[in-house]
Protein backbone atom coordinates (compact mmCIF):
# COMPACT_ATOMS: atom_id res chain seq x y z
CA UNK A 1 -49.71 174.53 49.46
CA UNK A 2 -52.34 172.03 50.56
CA UNK A 3 -52.55 168.32 49.87
CA UNK A 4 -55.50 168.94 47.53
CA UNK A 5 -53.28 171.11 45.33
CA UNK A 6 -50.31 168.77 45.31
CA UNK A 7 -51.94 165.37 44.95
CA UNK A 8 -53.24 164.89 41.39
CA UNK A 9 -56.95 164.27 41.02
CA UNK A 10 -56.23 161.00 39.22
CA UNK A 11 -54.33 159.64 42.23
CA UNK A 12 -55.89 157.93 45.28
CA UNK A 13 -57.36 160.45 47.71
CA UNK A 14 -55.50 159.45 50.87
CA UNK A 15 -51.92 160.48 51.52
CA UNK A 16 -50.88 156.88 52.26
CA UNK A 17 -52.36 155.56 49.02
CA UNK A 18 -50.64 158.34 47.09
CA UNK A 19 -47.28 157.49 48.65
CA UNK A 20 -47.69 153.78 47.92
CA UNK A 21 -48.66 154.50 44.32
CA UNK A 22 -45.35 156.34 43.82
CA UNK A 23 -43.18 154.11 46.03
CA UNK A 24 -41.02 152.75 43.19
CA UNK A 25 -40.00 156.30 42.21
CA UNK A 26 -38.21 157.04 45.48
CA UNK A 27 -34.58 156.53 46.43
CA UNK A 28 -33.69 153.94 49.07
CA UNK A 29 -33.53 156.50 51.88
CA UNK A 30 -36.78 158.09 50.72
CA UNK A 31 -38.40 154.66 50.73
CA UNK A 32 -37.52 154.35 54.41
CA UNK A 33 -39.41 157.60 55.03
CA UNK A 34 -42.32 156.48 52.83
CA UNK A 35 -42.56 153.14 54.59
CA UNK A 36 -42.56 154.77 58.02
CA UNK A 37 -45.28 157.29 57.09
CA UNK A 38 -47.55 154.61 55.65
CA UNK A 39 -47.19 152.38 58.71
CA UNK A 40 -47.26 155.18 61.33
CA UNK A 41 -49.44 157.96 59.92
CA UNK A 42 -51.02 158.84 63.29
CA UNK A 43 -47.54 159.29 64.76
CA UNK A 44 -46.25 161.36 61.83
CA UNK A 45 -49.13 163.77 62.29
CA UNK A 46 -47.49 165.01 65.50
CA UNK A 47 -43.76 164.56 64.82
CA UNK A 48 -41.14 167.07 63.76
CA UNK A 49 -39.03 166.34 60.70
CA UNK A 50 -36.12 165.50 63.00
CA UNK A 51 -38.18 163.00 65.00
CA UNK A 52 -39.48 161.33 61.86
CA UNK A 53 -35.94 161.11 60.45
CA UNK A 54 -34.69 159.46 63.63
CA UNK A 55 -37.48 156.87 63.60
CA UNK A 56 -36.93 156.15 59.89
CA UNK A 57 -33.15 155.86 60.36
CA UNK A 58 -32.38 158.70 57.96
CA UNK A 59 -31.70 162.45 57.99
CA UNK A 60 -34.05 165.41 58.29
CA UNK A 61 -32.86 166.66 54.91
CA UNK A 62 -34.06 163.37 53.38
CA UNK A 63 -37.46 163.94 54.98
CA UNK A 64 -37.61 167.41 53.43
CA UNK A 65 -36.54 166.12 50.00
CA UNK A 66 -39.12 163.35 50.24
CA UNK A 67 -41.83 165.92 51.01
CA UNK A 68 -40.80 167.94 47.98
CA UNK A 69 -40.71 164.81 45.81
CA UNK A 70 -44.39 164.34 46.66
CA UNK A 71 -45.13 167.88 45.53
CA UNK A 72 -45.22 169.66 48.89
CA UNK A 73 -43.21 172.81 49.56
CA UNK A 74 -41.66 171.13 52.60
CA UNK A 75 -42.32 168.87 55.56
CA UNK A 76 -44.85 171.17 57.33
CA UNK A 77 -47.18 170.86 54.33
CA UNK A 78 -46.83 167.07 54.28
CA UNK A 79 -47.51 166.95 58.02
CA UNK A 80 -50.59 169.13 57.55
CA UNK A 81 -51.88 166.58 55.04
CA UNK A 82 -51.15 163.78 57.52
CA UNK A 83 -53.08 165.64 60.24
CA UNK A 84 -56.02 166.17 57.91
CA UNK A 85 -56.11 162.45 57.21
CA UNK A 86 -55.80 161.73 60.94
CA UNK A 87 -58.81 163.92 61.68
CA UNK A 88 -60.84 162.29 58.90
CA UNK A 89 -60.10 158.88 60.38
CA UNK A 90 -61.02 159.80 63.93
CA UNK A 91 -63.76 162.39 63.75
CA UNK A 92 -67.13 161.20 65.20
CA UNK A 93 -69.13 159.16 62.69
CA UNK A 94 -66.31 159.05 60.17
CA UNK A 95 -65.30 155.92 58.29
CA UNK A 96 -62.20 154.55 60.01
CA UNK A 97 -61.22 151.78 57.64
CA UNK A 98 -62.03 149.16 60.26
CA UNK A 99 -59.77 150.72 62.89
CA UNK A 100 -62.50 151.55 65.43
CA UNK A 101 -63.88 154.84 66.74
CA UNK A 102 -60.61 156.64 67.35
CA UNK A 103 -58.33 157.42 70.29
CA UNK A 104 -59.42 157.71 73.91
CA UNK A 105 -58.35 161.35 74.18
CA UNK A 106 -58.62 164.43 71.98
CA UNK A 107 -55.91 166.29 70.12
CA UNK A 108 -55.19 168.45 73.18
CA UNK A 109 -54.15 165.49 75.35
CA UNK A 110 -51.18 165.59 77.74
CA UNK A 111 -47.95 163.73 76.90
CA UNK A 112 -48.93 160.92 79.27
CA UNK A 113 -52.41 160.65 77.76
CA UNK A 114 -50.88 160.81 74.30
CA UNK A 115 -48.69 157.77 74.97
CA UNK A 116 -51.48 155.84 76.69
CA UNK A 117 -53.99 156.55 73.95
CA UNK A 118 -51.53 155.51 71.25
CA UNK A 119 -50.83 152.19 72.99
CA UNK A 120 -54.58 151.55 73.08
CA UNK A 121 -54.82 152.40 69.39
CA UNK A 122 -51.84 150.17 68.60
CA UNK A 123 -53.53 147.17 70.20
CA UNK A 124 -56.74 147.76 68.29
CA UNK A 125 -54.98 148.40 65.00
CA UNK A 126 -52.90 145.25 65.41
CA UNK A 127 -55.90 143.10 66.29
CA UNK A 128 -57.92 144.35 63.32
CA UNK A 129 -55.11 143.91 60.80
CA UNK A 130 -54.19 140.38 61.82
CA UNK A 131 -55.54 137.54 59.72
CA UNK A 132 -57.03 134.71 61.74
CA UNK A 133 -55.73 132.29 59.14
CA UNK A 134 -52.17 133.60 59.53
CA UNK A 135 -52.41 133.51 63.33
CA UNK A 136 -53.69 129.92 63.32
CA UNK A 137 -50.99 128.93 60.85
CA UNK A 138 -48.37 130.49 63.15
CA UNK A 139 -49.70 128.73 66.25
CA UNK A 140 -49.74 125.42 64.39
CA UNK A 141 -46.16 125.93 63.22
CA UNK A 142 -44.96 126.74 66.75
CA UNK A 143 -46.80 123.84 68.36
CA UNK A 144 -45.49 121.25 65.89
CA UNK A 145 -41.93 122.50 65.37
CA UNK A 146 -39.07 120.19 66.29
CA UNK A 147 -36.80 123.18 66.90
CA UNK A 148 -37.56 126.90 67.17
CA UNK A 149 -35.03 129.70 66.69
CA UNK A 150 -36.15 133.22 67.64
CA UNK A 151 -34.07 136.03 66.15
CA UNK A 152 -34.22 139.55 67.56
CA UNK A 153 -31.42 142.07 67.93
CA UNK A 154 -31.05 145.30 69.90
CA UNK A 155 -34.44 146.26 71.38
CA UNK A 156 -35.98 143.08 69.95
CA UNK A 157 -33.57 140.90 71.94
CA UNK A 158 -35.70 141.29 75.08
CA UNK A 159 -38.85 140.18 73.28
CA UNK A 160 -37.05 137.24 71.69
CA UNK A 161 -35.99 136.09 75.15
CA UNK A 162 -39.50 136.64 76.51
CA UNK A 163 -41.04 134.53 73.73
CA UNK A 164 -38.49 131.82 74.50
CA UNK A 165 -39.54 131.97 78.17
CA UNK A 166 -43.23 131.62 77.30
CA UNK A 167 -42.69 128.69 74.96
CA UNK A 168 -40.24 126.85 77.20
CA UNK A 169 -42.94 126.82 79.89
CA UNK A 170 -44.81 124.63 77.41
CA UNK A 171 -41.78 122.36 77.06
CA UNK A 172 -40.92 123.52 73.55
CA UNK A 173 -37.32 123.53 72.32
CA UNK A 174 -36.48 127.19 71.73
CA UNK A 175 -33.19 128.99 71.10
CA UNK A 176 -32.52 132.73 70.82
CA UNK A 177 -30.20 134.58 68.46
CA UNK A 178 -29.72 138.14 69.69
CA UNK A 179 -26.27 139.05 68.39
CA UNK A 180 -23.55 138.04 65.95
CA UNK A 181 -21.64 136.12 68.60
CA UNK A 182 -19.97 132.83 67.69
CA UNK A 183 -22.55 130.90 69.70
CA UNK A 184 -25.43 132.65 67.92
CA UNK A 185 -23.93 132.03 64.49
CA UNK A 186 -23.59 128.35 65.35
CA UNK A 187 -27.30 128.25 66.18
CA UNK A 188 -28.09 129.75 62.80
CA UNK A 189 -25.77 127.29 61.10
CA UNK A 190 -27.94 124.42 62.39
CA UNK A 191 -31.09 125.71 60.68
CA UNK A 192 -32.64 123.00 58.50
CA UNK A 193 -36.02 121.90 57.14
CA UNK A 194 -37.12 120.92 60.66
CA UNK A 195 -36.41 124.38 62.09
CA UNK A 196 -39.00 127.09 62.62
CA UNK A 197 -37.43 130.55 62.50
CA UNK A 198 -39.31 133.43 64.16
CA UNK A 199 -37.90 136.87 63.32
CA UNK A 200 -38.76 139.98 65.35
CA UNK A 201 -38.11 143.29 63.64
CA UNK A 202 -38.84 146.96 64.28
CA UNK A 203 -38.26 149.46 61.49
CA UNK A 204 -35.40 148.63 59.14
CA UNK A 205 -34.35 145.04 59.91
CA UNK A 206 -30.91 144.28 61.28
CA UNK A 207 -28.62 142.53 58.73
CA UNK A 208 -28.38 139.52 61.03
CA UNK A 209 -32.15 139.08 60.97
CA UNK A 210 -32.23 139.31 57.17
CA UNK A 211 -29.37 136.82 56.94
CA UNK A 212 -31.23 134.37 59.17
CA UNK A 213 -34.38 134.64 57.05
CA UNK A 214 -32.46 134.04 53.83
CA UNK A 215 -30.73 131.04 55.38
CA UNK A 216 -34.04 129.56 56.49
CA UNK A 217 -35.48 129.97 53.01
CA UNK A 218 -32.38 128.44 51.39
CA UNK A 219 -32.55 125.41 53.69
CA UNK A 220 -36.32 125.06 53.33
CA UNK A 221 -37.07 125.82 56.95
CA UNK A 222 -40.27 127.62 57.89
CA UNK A 223 -39.98 131.33 58.68
CA UNK A 224 -42.40 133.63 60.50
CA UNK A 225 -41.92 137.41 60.71
CA UNK A 226 -43.36 139.70 63.39
CA UNK A 227 -42.82 143.21 62.04
CA UNK A 228 -44.08 146.77 62.42
CA UNK A 229 -43.29 147.70 58.80
CA UNK A 230 -45.43 146.13 56.09
CA UNK A 231 -42.76 146.74 53.43
CA UNK A 232 -39.95 145.20 55.50
CA UNK A 233 -37.51 142.90 53.72
CA UNK A 234 -38.02 140.41 56.54
CA UNK A 235 -41.74 140.26 55.74
CA UNK A 236 -40.99 139.57 52.11
CA UNK A 237 -38.77 136.60 53.03
CA UNK A 238 -41.22 135.03 55.49
CA UNK A 239 -43.71 132.24 54.90
CA UNK A 240 -46.11 134.00 57.25
CA UNK A 241 -46.05 137.62 58.44
CA UNK A 242 -47.83 139.08 61.46
CA UNK A 243 -47.92 142.89 61.58
CA UNK A 244 -48.04 144.87 64.81
CA UNK A 245 -48.44 148.62 65.21
CA UNK A 246 -45.70 150.47 67.12
CA UNK A 247 -46.77 154.11 66.77
CA UNK A 248 -45.66 156.27 69.69
CA UNK A 249 -45.35 159.97 70.50
CA UNK A 250 -42.43 159.09 72.81
CA UNK A 251 -38.72 158.92 72.01
CA UNK A 252 -38.93 155.13 71.52
CA UNK A 253 -41.30 152.88 69.62
CA UNK A 254 -44.26 151.39 71.45
CA UNK A 255 -44.01 147.64 72.04
CA UNK A 256 -47.36 147.16 73.79
CA UNK A 257 -48.91 145.48 70.75
CA UNK A 258 -45.87 143.25 70.17
CA UNK A 259 -45.95 142.06 73.78
CA UNK A 260 -49.67 141.30 73.47
CA UNK A 261 -49.06 139.46 70.20
CA UNK A 262 -46.37 137.24 71.74
CA UNK A 263 -48.56 136.39 74.73
CA UNK A 264 -51.51 135.69 72.45
CA UNK A 265 -49.48 133.26 70.32
CA UNK A 266 -48.19 131.45 73.40
CA UNK A 267 -51.71 131.20 74.80
CA UNK A 268 -52.88 129.82 71.46
CA UNK A 269 -50.29 127.04 71.70
CA UNK A 270 -51.28 126.36 75.32
CA UNK A 271 -54.97 126.16 74.38
CA UNK A 272 -54.29 123.27 72.00
CA UNK A 273 -53.61 120.99 75.00
CA UNK A 274 -54.54 122.71 78.25
CA UNK A 275 -54.66 119.43 80.19
CA UNK A 276 -51.20 118.43 79.05
CA UNK A 277 -49.70 121.83 79.83
CA UNK A 278 -51.50 122.54 83.12
CA UNK A 279 -49.03 120.74 85.39
CA UNK A 280 -46.07 122.68 83.99
CA UNK A 281 -47.89 126.02 84.11
CA UNK A 282 -49.21 125.35 87.63
CA UNK A 283 -45.71 124.55 88.85
CA UNK A 284 -44.44 127.83 87.42
CA UNK A 285 -47.22 129.86 89.04
CA UNK A 286 -46.38 128.37 92.44
CA UNK A 287 -42.76 129.58 92.24
């Protein structure tokens, strides 16, 4: 059964649009699958049902049931539709929806080339989807904040610490919350209207990150979300959301675009007062 047979003619033509149009019909676990496919279509085109389930934090049986809920016989038919859409996006001369001219390598690339090409695509996708207004608003918020709390758990803990490192070089007051330790909870407890909360999230957000966002909203603090899932609960709670693409053929998500985003934001803050920051940055470079 092909996607042409299963997707009604009255529905949007692309698989992603069709999924989004029916999003409210799905169960919670199916929504996780739907969200992942919409945000990572190029990756889904080459994944097994088991790999997709692992990335979406669900089971392979849920992936199969989701495929059938869309009208496909099973996951292979859904994946075939995803591959067709992938080829339409990247074939020479095709409309790419503003995402550029396609990957560096063809469909027969090696595993190494596959990972490298996807990182390149992630950077371009992220850059094209970012709003300059949202980026400038984020840089302004960081530069003028009295206190910054960066929340990131598990794999995001490293990037939270790295952002803290970048901003502390500019003499900004930054704290990190990376776990539910007593010390971390005390940092969250001090969130107020003068606090800027920056939440880093990959896939389904950790409950601690969601809790921090809700607390910031309740206490009228500003909240910025850096997420790889456009339908993330963290994004819905934020004042400003910056999306990054994390598609990867590997066994872990790609964080190349997130790293570039963090460095770009820090450089944006630095560029507001290069003369004032130069002495601190020069001293660091001489270490």
